[in-house]
Amino acid sequence: MKKKMDILNIYDEKQNLIGTATKKEVHKLGYWHQVVSCLFVDLEKNKVYLQYKKANHDIVNNKNKIDISVGGHVISTETIEQAIIREIKEESSLNIPFKKLTFFKERTINVQVQENYIIKEFSYLYILNTKFDLTKLHSSDDEVLYYIEFDINRLINF
């Protein structure tokens, strides 16, 4: 399935909106933009759930990889709230109301990964603490191969 070309808002370093660009342009030219992510946890069971992502999704190293539970870009027509709910639905099939999420942290990322791939992101991280059934978590666009359950303490010690 061919993915549509996402248009992202671009910002200056102080998060003032300065225009829009395609996702490809954003990373090639190093424009600041917004991303969201969510970590799935079940604190009652002391578990964290991470995704095993398809290689062809990562243009930087083209390898399967373990990644945060859910994450993606905020497209130009969305709020941060809308983007995180969309990403959760696309990458896990869960319909979660925004009020169930706990805001954890905002951070900036500024790194040049390759000559033509620059990451300049305002990143908003949320946590979803609930009971999960791994057999019911799946990606609507085949981006995620499957989810893996980890014991939180063992993962931290790893």
N, C-alpha and C. Protein backbone atom coordinates (compact mmCIF):
# COMPACT_ATOMS: atom_id res chain seq x y z
N MET A 1 0.84 -1.18 0.00
CA MET A 1 0.00 0.00 0.00
C MET A 1 0.89 1.24 0.00
N LYS A 2 0.67 2.12 -0.95
CA LYS A 2 1.46 3.34 -1.04
C LYS A 2 0.95 4.35 -0.03
N LYS A 3 1.85 4.91 0.73
CA LYS A 3 1.51 5.87 1.78
C LYS A 3 1.39 7.26 1.17
N LYS A 4 0.38 8.02 1.64
CA LYS A 4 0.19 9.39 1.15
C LYS A 4 1.34 10.28 1.61
N MET A 5 1.56 11.36 0.89
CA MET A 5 2.62 12.28 1.25
C MET A 5 2.09 13.22 2.34
N ASP A 6 2.68 13.12 3.53
CA ASP A 6 2.24 13.95 4.64
C ASP A 6 2.87 15.33 4.56
N ILE A 7 2.05 16.33 4.80
CA ILE A 7 2.52 17.70 4.90
C ILE A 7 2.60 18.04 6.39
N LEU A 8 3.74 18.53 6.82
CA LEU A 8 3.98 18.84 8.22
C LEU A 8 4.14 20.35 8.40
N ASN A 9 3.71 20.83 9.56
CA ASN A 9 4.03 22.21 9.93
C ASN A 9 5.51 22.27 10.27
N ILE A 10 6.14 23.37 9.91
CA ILE A 10 7.55 23.57 10.28
C ILE A 10 7.65 24.81 11.16
N TYR A 11 8.64 24.78 12.04
CA TYR A 11 8.78 25.78 13.09
C TYR A 11 10.20 26.30 13.16
N ASP A 12 10.37 27.45 13.80
CA ASP A 12 11.71 27.90 14.15
C ASP A 12 12.08 27.21 15.47
N GLU A 13 13.27 27.49 15.97
CA GLU A 13 13.76 26.80 17.18
C GLU A 13 12.97 27.16 18.44
N LYS A 14 12.13 28.22 18.36
CA LYS A 14 11.30 28.62 19.51
C LYS A 14 9.85 28.17 19.35
N GLN A 15 9.62 27.27 18.41
CA GLN A 15 8.30 26.69 18.13
C GLN A 15 7.30 27.68 17.55
N ASN A 16 7.80 28.70 16.86
CA ASN A 16 6.93 29.59 16.10
C ASN A 16 6.70 28.98 14.73
N LEU A 17 5.44 28.86 14.33
CA LEU A 17 5.09 28.29 13.03
C LEU A 17 5.63 29.18 11.92
N ILE A 18 6.36 28.56 10.97
CA ILE A 18 6.92 29.34 9.85
C ILE A 18 6.48 28.85 8.48
N GLY A 19 5.73 27.73 8.43
CA GLY A 19 5.26 27.23 7.14
C GLY A 19 4.97 25.75 7.18
N THR A 20 4.98 25.14 5.99
CA THR A 20 4.75 23.69 5.86
C THR A 20 5.76 23.11 4.89
N ALA A 21 5.94 21.80 4.99
CA ALA A 21 6.82 21.08 4.07
C ALA A 21 6.43 19.60 4.11
N THR A 22 6.86 18.87 3.09
CA THR A 22 6.61 17.42 3.11
C THR A 22 7.53 16.78 4.16
N LYS A 23 7.18 15.59 4.58
CA LYS A 23 8.00 14.88 5.56
C LYS A 23 9.41 14.66 5.00
N LYS A 24 9.51 14.35 3.72
CA LYS A 24 10.81 14.15 3.09
C LYS A 24 11.64 15.43 3.13
N GLU A 25 11.03 16.58 2.81
CA GLU A 25 11.74 17.86 2.85
C GLU A 25 12.16 18.21 4.27
N VAL A 26 11.29 17.94 5.24
CA VAL A 26 11.56 18.24 6.64
C VAL A 26 12.86 17.59 7.09
N HIS A 27 13.03 16.32 6.73
CA HIS A 27 14.23 15.60 7.16
C HIS A 27 15.44 15.88 6.27
N LYS A 28 15.22 16.12 5.01
CA LYS A 28 16.35 16.44 4.12
C LYS A 28 16.94 17.81 4.43
N LEU A 29 16.07 18.79 4.72
CA LEU A 29 16.51 20.16 4.93
C LEU A 29 16.67 20.53 6.41
N GLY A 30 16.26 19.63 7.30
CA GLY A 30 16.44 19.86 8.73
C GLY A 30 15.52 20.90 9.33
N TYR A 31 14.23 20.84 8.96
CA TYR A 31 13.25 21.75 9.55
C TYR A 31 12.76 21.20 10.89
N TRP A 32 12.52 22.09 11.83
CA TRP A 32 11.91 21.72 13.09
C TRP A 32 10.45 21.36 12.84
N HIS A 33 9.99 20.28 13.48
CA HIS A 33 8.61 19.83 13.34
C HIS A 33 8.19 19.09 14.61
N GLN A 34 6.93 18.69 14.70
CA GLN A 34 6.41 18.03 15.89
C GLN A 34 6.21 16.53 15.65
N VAL A 35 6.50 15.75 16.69
CA VAL A 35 6.22 14.32 16.70
C VAL A 35 5.59 13.96 18.04
N VAL A 36 4.88 12.85 18.04
CA VAL A 36 4.25 12.34 19.25
C VAL A 36 4.64 10.88 19.44
N SER A 37 4.64 10.45 20.69
CA SER A 37 4.86 9.03 20.97
C SER A 37 4.12 8.67 22.25
N CYS A 38 3.87 7.38 22.38
CA CYS A 38 3.16 6.89 23.55
C CYS A 38 3.78 5.56 23.96
N LEU A 39 4.04 5.42 25.23
CA LEU A 39 4.56 4.18 25.80
C LEU A 39 3.41 3.45 26.47
N PHE A 40 3.18 2.20 26.05
CA PHE A 40 2.13 1.38 26.64
C PHE A 40 2.71 0.64 27.84
N VAL A 41 2.05 0.77 28.99
CA VAL A 41 2.48 0.07 30.19
C VAL A 41 1.27 -0.52 30.91
N ASP A 42 1.53 -1.56 31.68
CA ASP A 42 0.56 -2.10 32.63
C ASP A 42 1.30 -2.13 33.96
N LEU A 43 1.16 -1.05 34.73
CA LEU A 43 1.91 -0.92 35.97
C LEU A 43 1.48 -1.94 37.02
N GLU A 44 0.25 -2.41 36.92
CA GLU A 44 -0.21 -3.44 37.84
C GLU A 44 0.59 -4.73 37.66
N LYS A 45 0.93 -5.04 36.40
CA LYS A 45 1.71 -6.25 36.09
C LYS A 45 3.20 -5.94 35.92
N ASN A 46 3.57 -4.66 36.01
CA ASN A 46 4.95 -4.24 35.83
C ASN A 46 5.47 -4.56 34.42
N LYS A 47 4.63 -4.30 33.41
CA LYS A 47 4.95 -4.62 32.02
C LYS A 47 4.99 -3.37 31.15
N VAL A 48 5.82 -3.43 30.12
CA VAL A 48 5.86 -2.41 29.09
C VAL A 48 5.72 -3.13 27.75
N TYR A 49 5.09 -2.47 26.79
CA TYR A 49 4.80 -3.08 25.49
C TYR A 49 5.45 -2.24 24.39
N LEU A 50 6.36 -2.87 23.65
CA LEU A 50 7.08 -2.20 22.58
C LEU A 50 6.74 -2.85 21.25
N GLN A 51 6.86 -2.08 20.17
CA GLN A 51 6.56 -2.62 18.86
C GLN A 51 7.81 -3.15 18.18
N TYR A 52 7.61 -4.18 17.36
CA TYR A 52 8.66 -4.69 16.48
C TYR A 52 8.28 -4.20 15.09
N LYS A 53 9.04 -3.23 14.60
CA LYS A 53 8.70 -2.48 13.39
C LYS A 53 9.38 -3.07 12.15
N LYS A 54 8.66 -3.01 11.03
CA LYS A 54 9.17 -3.50 9.74
C LYS A 54 10.39 -2.71 9.27
N ALA A 55 11.32 -3.41 8.64
CA ALA A 55 12.55 -2.79 8.15
C ALA A 55 12.27 -1.69 7.13
N ASN A 56 11.36 -1.92 6.21
CA ASN A 56 11.15 -0.94 5.13
C ASN A 56 10.51 0.35 5.61
N HIS A 57 10.14 0.43 6.87
CA HIS A 57 9.61 1.68 7.41
C HIS A 57 10.73 2.65 7.78
N ASP A 58 11.90 2.13 8.06
CA ASP A 58 13.03 2.95 8.52
C ASP A 58 14.00 3.16 7.36
N ILE A 59 13.94 4.35 6.75
CA ILE A 59 14.79 4.60 5.58
C ILE A 59 16.24 4.86 5.95
N VAL A 60 16.51 5.05 7.23
CA VAL A 60 17.88 5.34 7.65
C VAL A 60 18.73 4.07 7.66
N ASN A 61 18.26 3.00 8.32
CA ASN A 61 19.09 1.79 8.37
C ASN A 61 18.41 0.55 7.79
N ASN A 62 17.14 0.65 7.42
CA ASN A 62 16.41 -0.40 6.74
C ASN A 62 16.53 -1.77 7.43
N LYS A 63 16.35 -1.79 8.75
CA LYS A 63 16.38 -3.04 9.51
C LYS A 63 15.15 -3.10 10.39
N ASN A 64 14.66 -4.33 10.64
CA ASN A 64 13.61 -4.49 11.64
C ASN A 64 14.16 -3.97 12.95
N LYS A 65 13.30 -3.40 13.79
CA LYS A 65 13.79 -2.88 15.06
C LYS A 65 12.69 -2.84 16.11
N ILE A 66 13.10 -2.88 17.35
CA ILE A 66 12.19 -2.66 18.46
C ILE A 66 12.10 -1.15 18.67
N ASP A 67 10.88 -0.68 18.85
CA ASP A 67 10.65 0.76 18.96
C ASP A 67 9.62 1.03 20.05
N ILE A 68 9.45 2.29 20.38
CA ILE A 68 8.46 2.69 21.38
C ILE A 68 7.09 2.16 20.94
N SER A 69 6.16 2.06 21.85
CA SER A 69 4.86 1.46 21.57
C SER A 69 4.18 2.09 20.36
N VAL A 70 4.17 3.42 20.30
CA VAL A 70 3.52 4.15 19.21
C VAL A 70 4.25 5.46 19.00
N GLY A 71 4.39 5.88 17.76
CA GLY A 71 5.00 7.17 17.51
C GLY A 71 4.84 7.61 16.08
N GLY A 72 4.87 8.94 15.86
CA GLY A 72 4.79 9.44 14.51
C GLY A 72 4.75 10.96 14.45
N HIS A 73 4.67 11.45 13.24
CA HIS A 73 4.68 12.88 12.97
C HIS A 73 3.28 13.48 13.15
N VAL A 74 3.25 14.73 13.57
CA VAL A 74 2.02 15.51 13.63
C VAL A 74 1.86 16.16 12.26
N ILE A 75 0.79 15.81 11.54
CA ILE A 75 0.59 16.42 10.22
C ILE A 75 -0.02 17.80 10.37
N SER A 76 0.06 18.60 9.32
CA SER A 76 -0.25 20.03 9.41
C SER A 76 -1.69 20.33 9.81
N THR A 77 -2.61 19.42 9.56
CA THR A 77 -4.02 19.67 9.87
C THR A 77 -4.42 19.19 11.25
N GLU A 78 -3.47 18.69 12.04
CA GLU A 78 -3.77 18.08 13.33
C GLU A 78 -3.25 18.90 14.51
N THR A 79 -3.90 18.68 15.64
CA THR A 79 -3.35 19.10 16.92
C THR A 79 -2.50 17.95 17.45
N ILE A 80 -1.73 18.20 18.47
CA ILE A 80 -0.95 17.14 19.10
C ILE A 80 -1.88 16.06 19.63
N GLU A 81 -2.99 16.46 20.25
CA GLU A 81 -3.96 15.49 20.77
C GLU A 81 -4.49 14.60 19.65
N GLN A 82 -4.87 15.19 18.52
CA GLN A 82 -5.40 14.41 17.40
C GLN A 82 -4.33 13.46 16.85
N ALA A 83 -3.10 13.93 16.78
CA ALA A 83 -2.02 13.12 16.22
C ALA A 83 -1.74 11.88 17.08
N ILE A 84 -1.69 12.03 18.40
CA ILE A 84 -1.37 10.88 19.24
C ILE A 84 -2.51 9.85 19.19
N ILE A 85 -3.75 10.31 19.16
CA ILE A 85 -4.88 9.38 19.06
C ILE A 85 -4.85 8.66 17.72
N ARG A 86 -4.54 9.38 16.62
CA ARG A 86 -4.44 8.75 15.29
C ARG A 86 -3.32 7.72 15.26
N GLU A 87 -2.16 8.08 15.78
CA GLU A 87 -1.02 7.16 15.78
C GLU A 87 -1.33 5.89 16.59
N ILE A 88 -1.97 6.05 17.74
CA ILE A 88 -2.34 4.89 18.54
C ILE A 88 -3.27 3.98 17.74
N LYS A 89 -4.25 4.56 17.07
CA LYS A 89 -5.20 3.78 16.27
C LYS A 89 -4.48 3.09 15.10
N GLU A 90 -3.65 3.82 14.37
CA GLU A 90 -2.95 3.26 13.21
C GLU A 90 -1.98 2.14 13.58
N GLU A 91 -1.24 2.34 14.66
CA GLU A 91 -0.16 1.41 14.97
C GLU A 91 -0.54 0.30 15.95
N SER A 92 -1.70 0.43 16.61
CA SER A 92 -2.07 -0.62 17.57
C SER A 92 -3.51 -1.08 17.44
N SER A 93 -4.34 -0.37 16.70
CA SER A 93 -5.77 -0.62 16.51
C SER A 93 -6.62 -0.25 17.72
N LEU A 94 -6.02 0.39 18.73
CA LEU A 94 -6.78 0.77 19.92
C LEU A 94 -7.48 2.11 19.73
N ASN A 95 -8.73 2.18 20.19
CA ASN A 95 -9.48 3.44 20.23
C ASN A 95 -9.41 3.96 21.66
N ILE A 96 -8.51 4.89 21.89
CA ILE A 96 -8.26 5.40 23.23
C ILE A 96 -8.64 6.87 23.29
N PRO A 97 -9.47 7.26 24.26
CA PRO A 97 -9.73 8.71 24.42
C PRO A 97 -8.49 9.41 24.98
N PHE A 98 -8.27 10.62 24.55
CA PHE A 98 -7.09 11.37 24.97
C PHE A 98 -6.98 11.48 26.49
N LYS A 99 -8.12 11.57 27.17
CA LYS A 99 -8.10 11.72 28.63
C LYS A 99 -7.51 10.51 29.36
N LYS A 100 -7.37 9.36 28.68
CA LYS A 100 -6.75 8.19 29.30
C LYS A 100 -5.22 8.25 29.26
N LEU A 101 -4.68 9.19 28.50
CA LEU A 101 -3.22 9.31 28.37
C LEU A 101 -2.67 10.23 29.45
N THR A 102 -1.46 9.93 29.87
CA THR A 102 -0.77 10.78 30.83
C THR A 102 0.40 11.43 30.10
N PHE A 103 0.44 12.77 30.12
CA PHE A 103 1.57 13.45 29.51
C PHE A 103 2.80 13.20 30.36
N PHE A 104 3.90 12.80 29.73
CA PHE A 104 5.12 12.47 30.46
C PHE A 104 6.20 13.52 30.27
N LYS A 105 6.47 13.88 29.02
CA LYS A 105 7.63 14.74 28.78
C LYS A 105 7.59 15.37 27.39
N GLU A 106 8.11 16.59 27.31
CA GLU A 106 8.39 17.22 26.02
C GLU A 106 9.90 17.32 25.91
N ARG A 107 10.43 17.00 24.75
CA ARG A 107 11.87 17.12 24.56
C ARG A 107 12.15 17.54 23.13
N THR A 108 13.35 18.08 22.92
CA THR A 108 13.78 18.43 21.57
C THR A 108 14.88 17.46 21.15
N ILE A 109 14.86 17.14 19.87
CA ILE A 109 15.86 16.25 19.29
C ILE A 109 16.47 16.99 18.12
N ASN A 110 17.79 17.05 18.08
CA ASN A 110 18.49 17.76 17.01
C ASN A 110 19.72 16.94 16.66
N VAL A 111 19.61 16.13 15.61
CA VAL A 111 20.71 15.24 15.24
C VAL A 111 20.72 15.02 13.72
N GLN A 112 21.91 14.99 13.16
CA GLN A 112 22.04 14.65 11.74
C GLN A 112 22.42 13.18 11.67
N VAL A 113 21.52 12.37 11.14
CA VAL A 113 21.70 10.92 11.09
C VAL A 113 22.54 10.52 9.88
N GLN A 114 22.24 11.14 8.76
CA GLN A 114 22.99 10.92 7.51
C GLN A 114 23.12 12.27 6.81
N GLU A 115 23.86 12.29 5.73
CA GLU A 115 24.07 13.55 5.02
C GLU A 115 22.75 14.22 4.64
N ASN A 116 21.79 13.44 4.17
CA ASN A 116 20.50 13.99 3.74
C ASN A 116 19.36 13.60 4.66
N TYR A 117 19.66 13.34 5.93
CA TYR A 117 18.59 12.99 6.88
C TYR A 117 18.90 13.62 8.23
N ILE A 118 18.15 14.69 8.52
CA ILE A 118 18.33 15.48 9.74
C ILE A 118 17.05 15.38 10.57
N ILE A 119 17.20 15.14 11.85
CA ILE A 119 16.05 15.07 12.74
C ILE A 119 16.09 16.29 13.66
N LYS A 120 15.09 17.15 13.49
CA LYS A 120 14.90 18.31 14.37
C LYS A 120 13.44 18.28 14.81
N GLU A 121 13.22 17.73 15.99
CA GLU A 121 11.86 17.46 16.42
C GLU A 121 11.55 18.05 17.79
N PHE A 122 10.32 18.54 17.91
CA PHE A 122 9.71 18.81 19.20
C PHE A 122 8.87 17.57 19.49
N SER A 123 9.29 16.80 20.46
CA SER A 123 8.69 15.49 20.71
C SER A 123 7.85 15.53 21.98
N TYR A 124 6.63 15.00 21.89
CA TYR A 124 5.69 14.97 23.01
C TYR A 124 5.42 13.51 23.36
N LEU A 125 5.82 13.10 24.56
CA LEU A 125 5.71 11.71 24.98
C LEU A 125 4.59 11.54 25.99
N TYR A 126 3.73 10.56 25.73
CA TYR A 126 2.61 10.20 26.60
C TYR A 126 2.78 8.76 27.08
N ILE A 127 2.04 8.44 28.15
CA ILE A 127 2.02 7.07 28.67
C ILE A 127 0.57 6.63 28.75
N LEU A 128 0.33 5.39 28.32
CA LEU A 128 -0.98 4.77 28.47
C LEU A 128 -0.82 3.58 29.41
N ASN A 129 -1.41 3.69 30.58
CA ASN A 129 -1.35 2.62 31.58
C ASN A 129 -2.69 1.91 31.58
N THR A 130 -2.71 0.68 31.08
CA THR A 130 -3.95 -0.10 31.02
C THR A 130 -3.58 -1.57 30.85
N LYS A 131 -4.57 -2.43 30.84
CA LYS A 131 -4.34 -3.85 30.58
C LYS A 131 -4.31 -4.06 29.07
N PHE A 132 -3.36 -4.86 28.60
CA PHE A 132 -3.21 -5.09 27.16
C PHE A 132 -3.36 -6.56 26.84
N ASP A 133 -3.95 -6.83 25.70
CA ASP A 133 -4.01 -8.17 25.14
C ASP A 133 -3.18 -8.11 23.86
N LEU A 134 -1.99 -8.71 23.89
CA LEU A 134 -1.07 -8.63 22.74
C LEU A 134 -1.70 -9.13 21.44
N THR A 135 -2.63 -10.07 21.53
CA THR A 135 -3.24 -10.62 20.31
C THR A 135 -4.16 -9.61 19.63
N LYS A 136 -4.52 -8.54 20.35
CA LYS A 136 -5.43 -7.54 19.77
C LYS A 136 -4.71 -6.28 19.32
N LEU A 137 -3.40 -6.21 19.50
CA LEU A 137 -2.63 -5.05 19.04
C LEU A 137 -2.10 -5.33 17.65
N HIS A 138 -2.51 -4.54 16.68
CA HIS A 138 -1.98 -4.70 15.32
C HIS A 138 -2.06 -3.38 14.56
N SER A 139 -1.18 -3.23 13.60
CA SER A 139 -1.07 -2.00 12.82
C SER A 139 -2.04 -2.04 11.64
N SER A 140 -2.72 -0.93 11.38
CA SER A 140 -3.64 -0.87 10.24
C SER A 140 -2.90 -0.75 8.91
N ASP A 141 -1.65 -0.31 8.93
CA ASP A 141 -0.91 -0.15 7.67
C ASP A 141 0.31 -1.07 7.59
N ASP A 142 0.34 -2.12 8.39
CA ASP A 142 1.43 -3.11 8.39
C ASP A 142 2.79 -2.53 8.74
N GLU A 143 2.82 -1.38 9.36
CA GLU A 143 4.07 -0.78 9.80
C GLU A 143 4.69 -1.57 10.95
N VAL A 144 3.81 -2.07 11.82
CA VAL A 144 4.25 -2.81 13.00
C VAL A 144 4.02 -4.30 12.74
N LEU A 145 5.08 -5.10 12.92
CA LEU A 145 4.94 -6.54 12.74
C LEU A 145 4.18 -7.16 13.91
N TYR A 146 4.57 -6.78 15.13
CA TYR A 146 3.88 -7.26 16.32
C TYR A 146 4.39 -6.48 17.53
N TYR A 147 3.76 -6.71 18.67
CA TYR A 147 4.16 -6.09 19.93
C TYR A 147 4.83 -7.13 20.83
N ILE A 148 5.76 -6.65 21.66
CA ILE A 148 6.50 -7.50 22.58
C ILE A 148 6.28 -6.98 23.99
N GLU A 149 6.04 -7.91 24.91
CA GLU A 149 5.84 -7.56 26.32
C GLU A 149 7.15 -7.76 27.08
N PHE A 150 7.53 -6.75 27.85
CA PHE A 150 8.75 -6.82 28.66
C PHE A 150 8.42 -6.52 30.11
N ASP A 151 9.12 -7.16 31.02
CA ASP A 151 9.07 -6.78 32.42
C ASP A 151 9.83 -5.46 32.54
N ILE A 152 9.23 -4.46 33.16
CA ILE A 152 9.83 -3.12 33.22
C ILE A 152 11.21 -3.16 33.89
N ASN A 153 11.33 -3.82 35.02
CA ASN A 153 12.62 -3.85 35.73
C ASN A 153 13.69 -4.56 34.93
N ARG A 154 13.34 -5.65 34.29
CA ARG A 154 14.32 -6.37 33.47
C ARG A 154 14.76 -5.53 32.28
N LEU A 155 13.83 -4.80 31.69
CA LEU A 155 14.16 -3.94 30.55
C LEU A 155 15.08 -2.80 30.99
N ILE A 156 14.79 -2.19 32.13
CA ILE A 156 15.64 -1.11 32.64
C ILE A 156 17.04 -1.64 32.92
N ASN A 157 17.14 -2.81 33.51
CA ASN A 157 18.45 -3.40 33.83
C ASN A 157 19.20 -3.85 32.58
N PHE A 158 18.47 -4.12 31.50
CA PHE A 158 19.10 -4.56 30.27
C PHE A 158 19.91 -3.42 29.68
